[in-house]
């Protein structure tokens, strides 16, 4: 599911737990795409790949 979001670079936000931030960063780097994240509180982030 995450690879599909990275490949498609859609504007849909992916909700992840903060403990998975490093994994998202590494996946985005491997796919050579950027991403942005918004803090949703309680250790949750909304991530968008671009």
C-alpha atoms as a PDB file:
ATOM      1  CA  UNK A   1       0.000   0.000   0.000  1.00  0.00           C
ATOM      2  CA  UNK A   2       2.773   2.464   0.852  1.00  0.00           C
ATOM      3  CA  UNK A   3       4.728   1.673  -2.333  1.00  0.00           C
ATOM      4  CA  UNK A   4       1.562   2.281  -4.370  1.00  0.00           C
ATOM      5  CA  UNK A   5       1.129   5.690  -2.751  1.00  0.00           C
ATOM      6  CA  UNK A   6       4.772   6.556  -3.390  1.00  0.00           C
ATOM      7  CA  UNK A   7       4.611   5.412  -7.021  1.00  0.00           C
ATOM      8  CA  UNK A   8       1.383   7.300  -7.660  1.00  0.00           C
ATOM      9  CA  UNK A   9       2.374  10.414  -5.681  1.00  0.00           C
ATOM     10  CA  UNK A  10      -1.293  11.154  -5.082  1.00  0.00           C
ATOM     11  CA  UNK A  11      -2.517  14.016  -2.941  1.00  0.00           C
ATOM     12  CA  UNK A  12      -4.188  11.517  -0.615  1.00  0.00           C
ATOM     13  CA  UNK A  13      -2.671  11.607   2.851  1.00  0.00           C
ATOM     14  CA  UNK A  14      -1.384   8.403   4.392  1.00  0.00           C
ATOM     15  CA  UNK A  15      -1.818   8.231   8.172  1.00  0.00           C
ATOM     16  CA  UNK A  16       1.138   6.665   9.954  1.00  0.00           C
ATOM     17  CA  UNK A  17       2.318   6.311  13.517  1.00  0.00           C
ATOM     18  CA  UNK A  18       5.366   8.405  14.388  1.00  0.00           C
ATOM     19  CA  UNK A  19       7.323   5.211  15.087  1.00  0.00           C
ATOM     20  CA  UNK A  20       7.217   4.483  11.326  1.00  0.00           C
ATOM     21  CA  UNK A  21       8.697   7.831  10.258  1.00  0.00           C
ATOM     22  CA  UNK A  22      12.159   6.465   9.497  1.00  0.00           C
ATOM     23  CA  UNK A  23      10.677   3.715   7.303  1.00  0.00           C
ATOM     24  CA  UNK A  24       8.697   6.304   5.310  1.00  0.00           C
ATOM     25  CA  UNK A  25      11.791   8.474   4.915  1.00  0.00           C
ATOM     26  CA  UNK A  26      13.855   5.547   3.631  1.00  0.00           C
ATOM     27  CA  UNK A  27      11.128   4.392   1.230  1.00  0.00           C
ATOM     28  CA  UNK A  28      10.713   7.907  -0.183  1.00  0.00           C
ATOM     29  CA  UNK A  29      14.483   8.225  -0.588  1.00  0.00           C
ATOM     30  CA  UNK A  30      14.688   4.853  -2.374  1.00  0.00           C
ATOM     31  CA  UNK A  31      11.893   5.902  -4.744  1.00  0.00           C
ATOM     32  CA  UNK A  32      13.470   9.355  -5.183  1.00  0.00           C
ATOM     33  CA  UNK A  33      10.305  11.227  -4.198  1.00  0.00           C
ATOM     34  CA  UNK A  34       9.723  13.918  -1.635  1.00  0.00           C
ATOM     35  CA  UNK A  35       7.151  13.929   1.090  1.00  0.00           C
ATOM     36  CA  UNK A  36       5.626  16.233   3.642  1.00  0.00           C
ATOM     37  CA  UNK A  37       4.013  15.405   6.951  1.00  0.00           C
ATOM     38  CA  UNK A  38       1.527  17.058   9.242  1.00  0.00           C
ATOM     39  CA  UNK A  39       1.340  16.283  12.942  1.00  0.00           C
ATOM     40  CA  UNK A  40      -2.110  14.951  13.811  1.00  0.00           C
ATOM     41  CA  UNK A  41      -1.353  14.658  17.515  1.00  0.00           C
ATOM     42  CA  UNK A  42      -1.008  11.608  19.747  1.00  0.00           C
ATOM     43  CA  UNK A  43       2.035  10.389  17.740  1.00  0.00           C
ATOM     44  CA  UNK A  44       0.178  10.222  14.397  1.00  0.00           C
ATOM     45  CA  UNK A  45       1.241  11.903  11.143  1.00  0.00           C
ATOM     46  CA  UNK A  46      -0.503  12.593   7.840  1.00  0.00           C
ATOM     47  CA  UNK A  47       2.052  11.995   5.051  1.00  0.00           C
ATOM     48  CA  UNK A  48       1.769  13.125   1.428  1.00  0.00           C
ATOM     49  CA  UNK A  49       4.284  12.065  -1.222  1.00  0.00           C
ATOM     50  CA  UNK A  50       5.203  14.462  -4.030  1.00  0.00           C
END
